[in-house]
C-alpha atoms as a PDB file:
ATOM      1  CA  MET A   1     -14.006  -1.338 -31.797  1.00  0.00           C
ATOM      2  CA  ALA A   2     -16.977  -3.291 -29.364  1.00  0.00           C
ATOM      3  CA  GLU A   3     -14.143  -4.917 -27.439  1.00  0.00           C
ATOM      4  CA  ASN A   4     -12.121  -1.698 -26.856  1.00  0.00           C
ATOM      5  CA  THR A   5     -15.408  -0.020 -25.388  1.00  0.00           C
ATOM      6  CA  LEU A   6     -15.369  -0.300 -21.354  1.00  0.00           C
ATOM      7  CA  THR A   7     -18.951  -0.975 -19.611  1.00  0.00           C
ATOM      8  CA  GLN A   8     -19.529  -0.329 -15.716  1.00  0.00           C
ATOM      9  CA  ASP A   9     -18.254  -3.884 -14.658  1.00  0.00           C
ATOM     10  CA  LYS A  10     -14.862  -4.011 -17.145  1.00  0.00           C
ATOM     11  CA  PHE A  11     -14.500   0.013 -15.950  1.00  0.00           C
ATOM     12  CA  ILE A  12     -13.985  -1.451 -12.414  1.00  0.00           C
ATOM     13  CA  ASP A  13     -12.347  -4.625 -13.201  1.00  0.00           C
ATOM     14  CA  HIS A  14      -9.795  -2.375 -15.420  1.00  0.00           C
ATOM     15  CA  HIS A  15      -8.828   0.011 -12.234  1.00  0.00           C
ATOM     16  CA  LEU A  16      -8.416  -3.139  -9.814  1.00  0.00           C
ATOM     17  CA  GLN A  17      -6.131  -4.943 -12.218  1.00  0.00           C
ATOM     18  CA  ASN A  18      -2.611  -4.747 -11.624  1.00  0.00           C
ATOM     19  CA  LEU A  19       0.090  -4.300 -14.334  1.00  0.00           C
ATOM     20  CA  THR A  20       2.021  -8.017 -13.787  1.00  0.00           C
ATOM     21  CA  PHE A  21       5.320  -9.151 -14.755  1.00  0.00           C
ATOM     22  CA  GLY A  22       5.657 -12.858 -14.145  1.00  0.00           C
ATOM     23  CA  GLN A  23       6.474 -16.406 -15.420  1.00  0.00           C
ATOM     24  CA  CYS A  24       4.091 -17.653 -18.118  1.00  0.00           C
ATOM     25  CA  SER A  25       3.339 -21.459 -18.978  1.00  0.00           C
ATOM     26  CA  ASP A  26       6.319 -21.711 -20.838  1.00  0.00           C
ATOM     27  CA  GLY A  27       8.855 -20.927 -18.369  1.00  0.00           C
ATOM     28  CA  LYS A  28       9.790 -17.387 -19.572  1.00  0.00           C
ATOM     29  CA  TRP A  29       8.905 -14.188 -17.759  1.00  0.00           C
ATOM     30  CA  ARG A  30       6.758 -11.840 -19.278  1.00  0.00           C
ATOM     31  CA  PHE A  31       4.070  -9.150 -19.007  1.00  0.00           C
ATOM     32  CA  ALA A  32       0.966 -10.267 -18.393  1.00  0.00           C
ATOM     33  CA  ASP A  33      -1.626 -11.344 -21.758  1.00  0.00           C
ATOM     34  CA  LYS A  34      -2.795  -7.803 -22.847  1.00  0.00           C
ATOM     35  CA  HIS A  35      -1.213  -6.010 -19.860  1.00  0.00           C
ATOM     36  CA  VAL A  36       1.167  -4.072 -22.348  1.00  0.00           C
ATOM     37  CA  ASN A  37       1.940  -3.505 -26.220  1.00  0.00           C
ATOM     38  CA  ILE A  38       5.570  -3.568 -26.158  1.00  0.00           C
ATOM     39  CA  GLY A  39       6.589  -6.093 -29.253  1.00  0.00           C
ATOM     40  CA  LYS A  40       5.143  -9.177 -30.580  1.00  0.00           C
ATOM     41  CA  ASP A  41       4.945 -11.263 -27.589  1.00  0.00           C
ATOM     42  CA  HIS A  42       3.159  -8.764 -25.685  1.00  0.00           C
ATOM     43  CA  SER A  43       0.665  -7.179 -28.203  1.00  0.00           C
ATOM     44  CA  ALA A  44      -3.512  -6.644 -27.234  1.00  0.00           C
ATOM     45  CA  HIS A  45      -4.127  -8.169 -30.818  1.00  0.00           C
ATOM     46  CA  GLU A  46      -1.953 -11.095 -30.449  1.00  0.00           C
ATOM     47  CA  VAL A  47      -4.739 -14.156 -30.455  1.00  0.00           C
ATOM     48  CA  GLN A  48      -2.112 -16.958 -31.803  1.00  0.00           C
ATOM     49  CA  LYS A  49       0.760 -18.181 -29.343  1.00  0.00           C
ATOM     50  CA  ASP A  50       1.724 -21.353 -27.709  1.00  0.00           C
ATOM     51  CA  TYR A  51       1.604 -20.334 -23.892  1.00  0.00           C
ATOM     52  CA  THR A  52      -0.343 -18.648 -21.515  1.00  0.00           C
ATOM     53  CA  CYS A  53       0.439 -15.779 -19.850  1.00  0.00           C
ATOM     54  CA  ASN A  54      -2.234 -15.284 -17.205  1.00  0.00           C
ATOM     55  CA  PRO A  55      -1.772 -13.285 -13.582  1.00  0.00           C
ATOM     56  CA  LYS A  56      -3.557 -15.688 -11.970  1.00  0.00           C
ATOM     57  CA  ASP A  57      -1.869 -18.487 -13.169  1.00  0.00           C
ATOM     58  CA  MET A  58       1.592 -17.143 -12.242  1.00  0.00           C
ATOM     59  CA  GLY A  59       1.467 -17.492  -8.326  1.00  0.00           C
ATOM     60  CA  PHE A  60       4.229 -16.237  -6.633  1.00  0.00           C
ATOM     61  CA  ASN A  61       6.534 -16.141  -9.732  1.00  0.00           C
ATOM     62  CA  ALA A  62       4.620 -12.478 -10.281  1.00  0.00           C
ATOM     63  CA  ILE A  63       5.736  -8.833  -9.529  1.00  0.00           C
ATOM     64  CA  HIS A  64       3.227  -6.254  -9.773  1.00  0.00           C
ATOM     65  CA  VAL A  65       5.286  -3.335 -11.422  1.00  0.00           C
ATOM     66  CA  ASP A  66       2.917  -0.664 -10.688  1.00  0.00           C
ATOM     67  CA  THR A  67       2.694  -1.453  -7.070  1.00  0.00           C
ATOM     68  CA  MET A  68       6.566  -2.203  -6.839  1.00  0.00           C
ATOM     69  CA  ALA A  69       7.064   1.387  -9.260  1.00  0.00           C
ATOM     70  CA  MET A  70       4.937   3.862  -7.218  1.00  0.00           C
ATOM     71  CA  SER A  71       6.259   2.419  -3.871  1.00  0.00           C
ATOM     72  CA  LEU A  72      10.010   2.618  -4.616  1.00  0.00           C
ATOM     73  CA  LEU A  73       9.347   6.261  -6.288  1.00  0.00           C
ATOM     74  CA  LEU A  74       7.329   7.519  -3.519  1.00  0.00           C
ATOM     75  CA  GLY A  75      10.282   6.419  -0.966  1.00  0.00           C
ATOM     76  CA  THR A  76      12.892   7.815  -3.317  1.00  0.00           C
ATOM     77  CA  LEU A  77      11.094  10.813  -2.953  1.00  0.00           C
ATOM     78  CA  PHE A  78      10.341  10.860   0.579  1.00  0.00           C
ATOM     79  CA  CYS A  79      14.605  10.210   1.361  1.00  0.00           C
ATOM     80  CA  PHE A  80      15.532  12.882  -0.877  1.00  0.00           C
ATOM     81  CA  PHE A  81      12.905  15.530   0.636  1.00  0.00           C
ATOM     82  CA  PHE A  82      14.272  15.082   3.538  1.00  0.00           C
ATOM     83  CA  TRP A  83      17.648  14.761   2.787  1.00  0.00           C
ATOM     84  CA  ARG A  84      17.403  18.410   1.027  1.00  0.00           C
ATOM     85  CA  VAL A  85      16.129  19.783   4.274  1.00  0.00           C
ATOM     86  CA  ALA A  86      18.571  18.612   6.243  1.00  0.00           C
ATOM     87  CA  LYS A  87      21.329  19.794   3.488  1.00  0.00           C
ATOM     88  CA  ASN A  88      19.774  22.996   3.608  1.00  0.00           C
ATOM     89  CA  ALA A  89      18.980  23.349   7.176  1.00  0.00           C
ATOM     90  CA  SER A  90      19.710  26.781   9.309  1.00  0.00           C
ATOM     91  CA  THR A  91      19.376  27.278  12.924  1.00  0.00           C
ATOM     92  CA  ASP A  92      19.419  30.952  12.719  1.00  0.00           C
ATOM     93  CA  LYS A  93      16.721  31.347   9.934  1.00  0.00           C
ATOM     94  CA  PRO A  94      14.726  28.076   9.742  1.00  0.00           C
ATOM     95  CA  SER A  95      12.581  28.071   6.554  1.00  0.00           C
ATOM     96  CA  LYS A  96       8.724  26.934   6.846  1.00  0.00           C
ATOM     97  CA  VAL A  97       9.504  23.610   5.248  1.00  0.00           C
ATOM     98  CA  GLN A  98      12.667  23.059   7.917  1.00  0.00           C
ATOM     99  CA  ASN A  99       9.654  24.106  10.562  1.00  0.00           C
ATOM    100  CA  ALA A 100       7.374  21.612   9.140  1.00  0.00           C
ATOM    101  CA  VAL A 101       9.709  18.954   9.120  1.00  0.00           C
ATOM    102  CA  GLU A 102      11.081  19.778  12.501  1.00  0.00           C
ATOM    103  CA  TYR A 103       7.346  19.539  13.687  1.00  0.00           C
ATOM    104  CA  LEU A 104       6.425  15.999  12.417  1.00  0.00           C
ATOM    105  CA  PHE A 105      10.052  14.613  13.726  1.00  0.00           C
ATOM    106  CA  ASP A 106       9.172  16.184  17.206  1.00  0.00           C
ATOM    107  CA  PHE A 107       5.750  14.531  16.702  1.00  0.00           C
ATOM    108  CA  VAL A 108       6.731  11.122  16.062  1.00  0.00           C
ATOM    109  CA  LYS A 109       9.643  11.324  18.555  1.00  0.00           C
ATOM    110  CA  GLY A 110       7.172  12.202  21.138  1.00  0.00           C
ATOM    111  CA  VAL A 111       4.956   8.960  19.961  1.00  0.00           C
ATOM    112  CA  VAL A 112       7.933   6.620  20.186  1.00  0.00           C
ATOM    113  CA  ASN A 113       8.939   8.397  23.755  1.00  0.00           C
ATOM    114  CA  ASP A 114       5.565   7.873  25.114  1.00  0.00           C
ATOM    115  CA  ASN A 115       4.958   4.167  23.677  1.00  0.00           C
ATOM    116  CA  PHE A 116       8.622   2.615  23.470  1.00  0.00           C
ATOM    117  CA  GLN A 117      10.377   1.567  26.800  1.00  0.00           C
ATOM    118  CA  ASP A 118      13.989   0.842  25.204  1.00  0.00           C
ATOM    119  CA  LYS A 119      15.165   4.399  24.870  1.00  0.00           C
ATOM    120  CA  ASN A 120      18.765   2.866  24.229  1.00  0.00           C
ATOM    121  CA  ASN A 121      17.110   1.702  20.598  1.00  0.00           C
ATOM    122  CA  LYS A 122      18.080   3.569  17.279  1.00  0.00           C
ATOM    123  CA  LEU A 123      15.841   1.669  15.215  1.00  0.00           C
ATOM    124  CA  VAL A 124      12.357   2.435  16.228  1.00  0.00           C
ATOM    125  CA  GLY A 125      12.340   6.191  15.749  1.00  0.00           C
ATOM    126  CA  PRO A 126      13.736   6.387  12.149  1.00  0.00           C
ATOM    127  CA  LEU A 127      11.335   3.362  11.427  1.00  0.00           C
ATOM    128  CA  SER A 128       8.567   5.057  12.785  1.00  0.00           C
ATOM    129  CA  LEU A 129       9.004   8.194  10.876  1.00  0.00           C
ATOM    130  CA  THR A 130       9.529   6.314   7.622  1.00  0.00           C
ATOM    131  CA  ILE A 131       6.455   4.374   8.009  1.00  0.00           C
ATOM    132  CA  VAL A 132       4.322   7.653   8.701  1.00  0.00           C
ATOM    133  CA  CYS A 133       6.015   9.503   5.829  1.00  0.00           C
ATOM    134  CA  TRP A 134       5.729   6.763   3.454  1.00  0.00           C
ATOM    135  CA  VAL A 135       2.298   5.280   3.883  1.00  0.00           C
ATOM    136  CA  PHE A 136       1.062   8.634   4.256  1.00  0.00           C
ATOM    137  CA  LEU A 137       2.637   9.565   0.596  1.00  0.00           C
ATOM    138  CA  MET A 138       1.447   6.178  -0.984  1.00  0.00           C
ATOM    139  CA  ASN A 139      -2.389   6.651   0.289  1.00  0.00           C
ATOM    140  CA  LEU A 140      -1.951  10.208  -1.051  1.00  0.00           C
ATOM    141  CA  MET A 141      -2.323   8.598  -4.669  1.00  0.00           C
ATOM    142  CA  ASP A 142      -5.342   7.684  -3.632  1.00  0.00           C
ATOM    143  CA  LEU A 143      -6.748  11.590  -4.035  1.00  0.00           C
ATOM    144  CA  LEU A 144      -5.588  11.544  -7.701  1.00  0.00           C
ATOM    145  CA  PRO A 145      -8.092  11.017 -10.431  1.00  0.00           C
ATOM    146  CA  VAL A 146      -8.683   7.436 -11.183  1.00  0.00           C
ATOM    147  CA  ASP A 147      -8.064   7.606 -14.736  1.00  0.00           C
ATOM    148  CA  LEU A 148      -5.150  10.381 -14.639  1.00  0.00           C
ATOM    149  CA  VAL A 149      -1.993   7.902 -14.197  1.00  0.00           C
ATOM    150  CA  PRO A 150      -3.248   4.892 -16.363  1.00  0.00           C
ATOM    151  CA  TRP A 151      -3.895   7.284 -19.387  1.00  0.00           C
ATOM    152  CA  ILE A 152      -0.435   8.874 -19.110  1.00  0.00           C
ATOM    153  CA  ALA A 153       1.279   5.419 -18.820  1.00  0.00           C
ATOM    154  CA  ASN A 154      -0.976   4.233 -21.741  1.00  0.00           C
ATOM    155  CA  GLY A 155       0.822   6.893 -23.808  1.00  0.00           C
ATOM    156  CA  PHE A 156      -2.205   9.455 -23.459  1.00  0.00           C
ATOM    157  CA  GLN A 157      -4.326   7.296 -24.912  1.00  0.00           C
ATOM    158  CA  SER A 158      -8.181   6.770 -23.729  1.00  0.00           C
ATOM    159  CA  SER A 159      -8.419   3.454 -25.198  1.00  0.00           C
ATOM    160  CA  VAL A 160      -7.033   0.598 -23.479  1.00  0.00           C
ATOM    161  CA  ALA A 161      -6.412  -1.509 -26.671  1.00  0.00           C
ATOM    162  CA  TYR A 162      -3.747   1.040 -27.753  1.00  0.00           C
ATOM    163  CA  GLY A 163      -0.989   2.567 -26.189  1.00  0.00           C
ATOM    164  CA  PRO A 164       2.019   1.055 -24.553  1.00  0.00           C
ATOM    165  CA  VAL A 165       0.646  -0.210 -20.890  1.00  0.00           C
ATOM    166  CA  HIS A 166      -2.675  -1.081 -20.398  1.00  0.00           C
ATOM    167  CA  TYR A 167      -2.915  -1.501 -16.606  1.00  0.00           C
ATOM    168  CA  PHE A 168      -1.456   0.427 -13.888  1.00  0.00           C
ATOM    169  CA  LYS A 169      -2.785   0.569 -10.316  1.00  0.00           C
ATOM    170  CA  VAL A 170      -1.452   3.921  -8.777  1.00  0.00           C
ATOM    171  CA  LEU A 171      -2.669   3.188  -5.188  1.00  0.00           C
ATOM    172  CA  PRO A 172       0.092   0.700  -3.947  1.00  0.00           C
ATOM    173  CA  ILE A 173      -1.679   0.088  -0.874  1.00  0.00           C
ATOM    174  CA  ALA A 174      -4.963  -0.824  -2.608  1.00  0.00           C
ATOM    175  CA  ASP A 175      -2.769  -4.020  -3.761  1.00  0.00           C
ATOM    176  CA  VAL A 176      -2.612  -6.509  -0.482  1.00  0.00           C
ATOM    177  CA  ASN A 177       0.707  -7.492  -1.133  1.00  0.00           C
ATOM    178  CA  ALA A 178       2.281  -4.005  -0.380  1.00  0.00           C
ATOM    179  CA  PRO A 179       0.454  -3.173   3.151  1.00  0.00           C
ATOM    180  CA  MET A 180       1.173  -7.407   3.909  1.00  0.00           C
ATOM    181  CA  GLY A 181       4.819  -7.150   2.895  1.00  0.00           C
ATOM    182  CA  MET A 182       5.107  -3.930   5.238  1.00  0.00           C
ATOM    183  CA  ALA A 183       3.738  -5.943   8.325  1.00  0.00           C
ATOM    184  CA  LEU A 184       5.573  -8.951   7.559  1.00  0.00           C
ATOM    185  CA  GLY A 185       8.795  -6.769   8.089  1.00  0.00           C
ATOM    186  CA  ILE A 186       7.361  -5.921  11.153  1.00  0.00           C
ATOM    187  CA  VAL A 187       6.762  -9.425  11.953  1.00  0.00           C
ATOM    188  CA  VAL A 188      10.583 -10.258  11.537  1.00  0.00           C
ATOM    189  CA  LEU A 189      11.739  -7.256  13.873  1.00  0.00           C
ATOM    190  CA  ILE A 190       9.014  -8.569  16.467  1.00  0.00           C
ATOM    191  CA  HIS A 191      10.937 -12.123  16.552  1.00  0.00           C
ATOM    192  CA  TYR A 192      14.094 -10.664  16.250  1.00  0.00           C
ATOM    193  CA  TYR A 193      13.797  -8.563  19.391  1.00  0.00           C
ATOM    194  CA  SER A 194      11.826 -10.825  20.786  1.00  0.00           C
ATOM    195  CA  ILE A 195      14.445 -13.471  20.974  1.00  0.00           C
ATOM    196  CA  LYS A 196      16.974 -11.046  21.478  1.00  0.00           C
ATOM    197  CA  LYS A 197      15.901  -9.536  24.786  1.00  0.00           C
ATOM    198  CA  LYS A 198      13.863 -12.463  25.856  1.00  0.00           C
ATOM    199  CA  GLY A 199      16.026 -15.272  24.667  1.00  0.00           C
ATOM    200  CA  LEU A 200      14.490 -18.084  22.650  1.00  0.00           C
ATOM    201  CA  GLY A 201      12.795 -19.918  25.540  1.00  0.00           C
ATOM    202  CA  GLY A 202      11.581 -16.833  26.841  1.00  0.00           C
ATOM    203  CA  PHE A 203       9.902 -16.182  23.725  1.00  0.00           C
ATOM    204  CA  LEU A 204       8.621 -19.714  23.140  1.00  0.00           C
ATOM    205  CA  GLY A 205       7.388 -19.543  26.743  1.00  0.00           C
ATOM    206  CA  GLU A 206       5.135 -16.885  26.472  1.00  0.00           C
ATOM    207  CA  LEU A 207       3.736 -18.773  23.191  1.00  0.00           C
ATOM    208  CA  THR A 208       3.034 -21.878  25.012  1.00  0.00           C
ATOM    209  CA  LEU A 209       3.561 -21.301  29.054  1.00  0.00           C
ATOM    210  CA  GLN A 210       0.888 -18.609  29.807  1.00  0.00           C
ATOM    211  CA  PRO A 211      -1.566 -18.175  30.554  1.00  0.00           C
ATOM    212  CA  LEU A 212      -3.038 -21.074  32.281  1.00  0.00           C
ATOM    213  CA  GLY A 213       0.678 -22.797  33.153  1.00  0.00           C
ATOM    214  CA  LYS A 214       2.634 -25.496  31.694  1.00  0.00           C
ATOM    215  CA  TRP A 215      -0.013 -28.268  32.504  1.00  0.00           C
ATOM    216  CA  ALA A 216      -1.990 -26.880  29.953  1.00  0.00           C
ATOM    217  CA  MET A 217       0.133 -26.218  27.284  1.00  0.00           C
ATOM    218  CA  PRO A 218      -1.900 -27.369  24.409  1.00  0.00           C
ATOM    219  CA  PHE A 219      -4.269 -24.672  25.343  1.00  0.00           C
ATOM    220  CA  ASN A 220      -2.051 -21.796  25.920  1.00  0.00           C
ATOM    221  CA  MET A 221      -0.681 -22.314  22.198  1.00  0.00           C
ATOM    222  CA  LEU A 222      -4.200 -22.694  20.699  1.00  0.00           C
ATOM    223  CA  ILE A 223      -4.933 -19.243  22.257  1.00  0.00           C
ATOM    224  CA  GLU A 224      -1.783 -17.387  22.511  1.00  0.00           C
ATOM    225  CA  ILE A 225      -0.241 -18.036  19.395  1.00  0.00           C
ATOM    226  CA  PRO A 226      -3.377 -17.471  16.638  1.00  0.00           C
ATOM    227  CA  GLY A 227      -3.531 -14.072  19.101  1.00  0.00           C
ATOM    228  CA  PHE A 228      -0.189 -13.101  18.768  1.00  0.00           C
ATOM    229  CA  TYR A 229       0.088 -13.451  14.956  1.00  0.00           C
ATOM    230  CA  ALA A 230      -3.599 -11.870  14.070  1.00  0.00           C
ATOM    231  CA  LYS A 231      -2.552  -8.813  15.426  1.00  0.00           C
ATOM    232  CA  GLN A 232       0.000  -8.498  12.929  1.00  0.00           C
ATOM    233  CA  ILE A 233      -2.050  -9.982  10.280  1.00  0.00           C
ATOM    234  CA  ALA A 234      -4.407  -7.121  11.107  1.00  0.00           C
ATOM    235  CA  LEU A 235      -1.804  -4.487  10.993  1.00  0.00           C
ATOM    236  CA  GLY A 236      -1.606  -4.682   7.387  1.00  0.00           C
ATOM    237  CA  LEU A 237      -5.036  -5.826   6.279  1.00  0.00           C
ATOM    238  CA  ARG A 238      -6.334  -2.796   8.254  1.00  0.00           C
ATOM    239  CA  LEU A 239      -4.583  -0.282   6.358  1.00  0.00           C
ATOM    240  CA  TYR A 240      -5.593  -2.314   2.757  1.00  0.00           C
ATOM    241  CA  GLY A 241      -9.326  -2.611   3.677  1.00  0.00           C
ATOM    242  CA  ASN A 242      -9.822   0.736   4.356  1.00  0.00           C
ATOM    243  CA  LEU A 243      -7.564   2.307   1.120  1.00  0.00           C
ATOM    244  CA  PHE A 244      -9.042  -0.388  -0.788  1.00  0.00           C
ATOM    245  CA  ALA A 245     -12.639   0.667   0.089  1.00  0.00           C
ATOM    246  CA  GLY A 246     -11.717   4.142  -0.525  1.00  0.00           C
ATOM    247  CA  GLU A 247     -10.512   3.795  -3.756  1.00  0.00           C
ATOM    248  CA  MET A 248     -13.601   1.886  -4.665  1.00  0.00           C
ATOM    249  CA  ILE A 249     -15.770   4.765  -3.884  1.00  0.00           C
ATOM    250  CA  PHE A 250     -13.581   6.829  -6.240  1.00  0.00           C
ATOM    251  CA  ILE A 251     -13.933   4.526  -8.989  1.00  0.00           C
ATOM    252  CA  LEU A 252     -17.788   4.357  -8.734  1.00  0.00           C
ATOM    253  CA  ILE A 253     -17.965   7.627  -8.595  1.00  0.00           C
ATOM    254  CA  ALA A 254     -15.779   8.173 -11.676  1.00  0.00           C
ATOM    255  CA  LEU A 255     -18.668   6.392 -13.724  1.00  0.00           C
ATOM    256  CA  PHE A 256     -20.563   9.193 -13.128  1.00  0.00           C
ATOM    257  CA  TYR A 257     -18.549  11.007 -15.748  1.00  0.00           C
ATOM    258  CA  GLY A 258     -18.988   8.556 -18.472  1.00  0.00           C
ATOM    259  CA  ALA A 259     -22.033  10.206 -19.558  1.00  0.00           C
ATOM    260  CA  PHE A 260     -20.985  13.867 -19.322  1.00  0.00           C
ATOM    261  CA  PHE A 261     -21.254  14.800 -23.026  1.00  0.00           C
ATOM    262  CA  ASP A 262     -23.899  12.318 -24.167  1.00  0.00           C
ATOM    263  CA  SER A 263     -26.874  14.351 -22.816  1.00  0.00           C
ATOM    264  CA  LEU A 264     -28.251  16.833 -20.452  1.00  0.00           C
ATOM    265  CA  TYR A 265     -28.987  14.107 -18.324  1.00  0.00           C
ATOM    266  CA  GLY A 266     -25.437  12.949 -18.388  1.00  0.00           C
ATOM    267  CA  ALA A 267     -23.980  15.954 -17.853  1.00  0.00           C
ATOM    268  CA  VAL A 268     -26.630  16.386 -14.514  1.00  0.00           C
ATOM    269  CA  LEU A 269     -24.771  13.229 -13.392  1.00  0.00           C
ATOM    270  CA  GLY A 270     -21.483  14.558 -13.961  1.00  0.00           C
ATOM    271  CA  VAL A 271     -21.664  17.706 -12.077  1.00  0.00           C
ATOM    272  CA  PHE A 272     -23.341  15.096  -9.560  1.00  0.00           C
ATOM    273  CA  GLY A 273     -20.007  13.179  -9.596  1.00  0.00           C
ATOM    274  CA  VAL A 274     -17.948  15.978  -9.250  1.00  0.00           C
ATOM    275  CA  LEU A 275     -19.620  17.248  -6.209  1.00  0.00           C
ATOM    276  CA  LEU A 276     -19.071  13.630  -4.878  1.00  0.00           C
ATOM    277  CA  HIS A 277     -15.581  13.250  -5.857  1.00  0.00           C
ATOM    278  CA  LEU A 278     -14.897  16.638  -3.897  1.00  0.00           C
ATOM    279  CA  ALA A 279     -16.709  16.120  -0.765  1.00  0.00           C
ATOM    280  CA  TRP A 280     -15.530  12.531  -0.507  1.00  0.00           C
ATOM    281  CA  ALA A 281     -11.764  13.613  -1.296  1.00  0.00           C
ATOM    282  CA  ILE A 282     -11.968  16.260   1.777  1.00  0.00           C
ATOM    283  CA  PHE A 283     -13.200  13.498   3.798  1.00  0.00           C
ATOM    284  CA  HIS A 284     -10.712  10.902   2.318  1.00  0.00           C
ATOM    285  CA  VAL A 285      -8.099  13.153   3.831  1.00  0.00           C
ATOM    286  CA  LEU A 286      -8.369  12.035   7.365  1.00  0.00           C
ATOM    287  CA  ILE A 287      -8.514   8.776   6.421  1.00  0.00           C
ATOM    288  CA  ILE A 288      -5.173   9.062   4.806  1.00  0.00           C
ATOM    289  CA  ALA A 289      -3.592  10.978   7.403  1.00  0.00           C
ATOM    290  CA  LEU A 290      -5.607   8.645  10.397  1.00  0.00           C
ATOM    291  CA  GLN A 291      -4.203   5.395   8.699  1.00  0.00           C
ATOM    292  CA  ALA A 292      -0.486   6.394   8.159  1.00  0.00           C
ATOM    293  CA  TYR A 293      -0.796   7.464  12.292  1.00  0.00           C
ATOM    294  CA  VAL A 294      -2.230   4.160  13.103  1.00  0.00           C
ATOM    295  CA  PHE A 295       0.165   2.046  11.148  1.00  0.00           C
ATOM    296  CA  MET A 296       2.957   3.639  12.777  1.00  0.00           C
ATOM    297  CA  ILE A 297       1.665   3.957  16.268  1.00  0.00           C
ATOM    298  CA  LEU A 298       0.913   0.074  16.049  1.00  0.00           C
ATOM    299  CA  THR A 299       3.814  -0.886  14.715  1.00  0.00           C
ATOM    300  CA  VAL A 300       5.886   0.981  18.121  1.00  0.00           C
ATOM    301  CA  VAL A 301       3.416  -0.776  20.259  1.00  0.00           C
ATOM    302  CA  PHE A 302       3.918  -4.275  18.657  1.00  0.00           C
ATOM    303  CA  LEU A 303       7.816  -3.393  19.408  1.00  0.00           C
ATOM    304  CA  ASN A 304       7.567  -2.756  22.501  1.00  0.00           C
ATOM    305  CA  GLN A 305       5.579  -5.742  23.694  1.00  0.00           C
ATOM    306  CA  ALA A 306       8.457  -7.474  21.949  1.00  0.00           C
ATOM    307  CA  HIS A 307      11.119  -5.615  24.592  1.00  0.00           C
ATOM    308  CA  GLU A 308       8.363  -6.627  27.364  1.00  0.00           C
ATOM    309  CA  THR A 309       9.168  -9.694  29.949  1.00  0.00           C
ATOM    310  CA  HIS A 310       6.151 -11.448  31.616  1.00  0.00           C
END
C-alpha cells in the first residue's frame, strides 16, 4: 500500500506526466510502463518482462494521448458549436448565443483588418478565429480541478495503482508539444507567404542582405536568422510557459486538500486551499483570455510581416 500512496513530490510528478503511447525497446508500440492497466503487457503490477517501455526512451516515436485527445475534442466542440449557431442563425430574431458569436467574429475581424495588409487573403481571418477560440478552450481546461479528469479516466479510482488509466493531463497547453506544434504550423505559413509574395530570392535576401548590405552577409545572417526564428519559437514558448506556471500553482494549491479530513489543522489548511483556489481561478481567467488573444494577434502580425517587402 505504501507504494500506492502519493507523497507531495510524487503527487506533483504524477500530475505533470502525460499518458504516453510509443515504440518500446522491442520495437512494438504500446502504452508506457504503468500508464494504463489494460491487459498483461500494460499491468501496473507486472514486474517481469523482456522489454522496457519508458517514455524518456521513446524519443520522437511517442504520442501524448491525453494532449491529442483533449486538443481534438475541444477543436471538434468548437467547430460543432459554431456550425450549430450558423445553422440556426436568424436575421429577424437573433439569439443571445448568436449575438455573442457575431460579437466575437466582429472583434477578430477588426483585429485582422487593423494588423493585416492583404485584404484579399481568405485564410488569415478564419485562422485567427480558430486560434483564439481553440487556444481559449484549451486554456480553459486549467480551471478544472487537477484531480477531476484523471479520476474519471482512472475509472473513478483514487489510487494510481488501480483503474484503467493512471495518467491523464487535461491541459494540452501545459504539454510543450501542443503550443510548439501550433507555432510550427505558423512558421510553415510564414515561409509559404514570404516565398509566395517576395520570391525565394527576396525571402533569402531579407535574411542575408539586411541591415548592412551584401558585403557584410555573414554578419547579416548572424543578426537576422536567429531573430527571425526566435520570434516564432517564442510564440509557442510564451503560451506554454504562462499556462504551465498557472497549472503548477493549481497543483500546489491542491496539496492543501490532502490533510482535509486528518485533523483540525488539516481542515483549516483545506479551507485555506479552497480560498486560494478560488482567488487564483478568478485571476487566471484573465490570463487564459489574454494568452489566447496574444497568440492570435502575434500570428496575424507575423503573417503580415511575411507579406511586407523591404
